[in-house]
Amino acid sequence: MAASEREAALLARVAANHLFLAQFEPLRATLLSLRRRADPELAAGFLRAVVAAGGRVPGVLWSAPPACPSPSHLAWLAALELAALPSTPNPEALRLKAEFLVLLQPIADDPATGAEARGTLARLLDFGVSRLRREVEGGGEVGAGAEDALVTEEDLRELWGVFLDNALDSSKKEKELQAKEAELNKRERELKRREEAASRAGIVIEEKNWPPFFPIIHHDISNEIPIHLQRMQYLAFSSLLGKYWLLVALLLR
């Protein structure tokens, strides 16, 4: 076995380990090494397999948010990487169909949604996975298949109240996030101002002399990692009722 083949096999095993531990950032770094140093087609095939399965890989130990808490999150993150490859024919459609899954997943997992609505959302997720699989396999524009019949127009009507509830919740969360961001930006500007003043005065700022709010800034920022997901939810579930039909149109596209 050639050195490049041995390296590719080793990197593939490392990638598989990170996958089963739901460690996406290490997985991403490993696949990047595999693509640049050993076997780019194997790295792309790895991503395609994950996305085509909708992230539903048996044996994965899902992590707590904001890491990789569900198959939909895994599929979405992998789809972003796959969409960035030049060999992907329709990256925008791939991103949209993966985004649909990650938008629905938190609602489908929420016990407050109700058992009946959660069952419908589970079928809707299955529907989304089937459309995502077609996109990966090159059949994204074909007509509805047998699995698509799992979701009916009546099912979508029954979810009206669920989407309205999430529209209001997302609108409120967006305002809270904006307030948090404004406070964080204010703290960071103050920290930068103090550092610049100390630098002009020739004072070297050691960690023990940092303002007491400095660790809080970084703690708060670490908690804001899933902001992009919450903003996506806000865009899809805004208070405008027409956004509901936009979401349905995205699914049926």
Foldseek 3Di string as FASTA:
>chain_A
DDPLVVLLVVLVVVLVVCLQALQVVVNVVSLVCCCPRHPVVVSLVVLLVLLLQLQPDPNRDADDPPRGHDSLSVNLVSLVVNLPDPVQDDSVLLNLLSLLLLLLVVLLPDVVNDDVLNVLSVLLNVLSSNLNNCSSVVNNPDDDDPSNVSHDPVSLVVCLVVLLVLQVVLVVVVVVVVVVVVVLVVVVVVQVVVVVVCVVVVHDDDPVNRPPCVVVSVVVVVVCVCVVSSVSNNVQRHNDSVSSVVSVVSSND
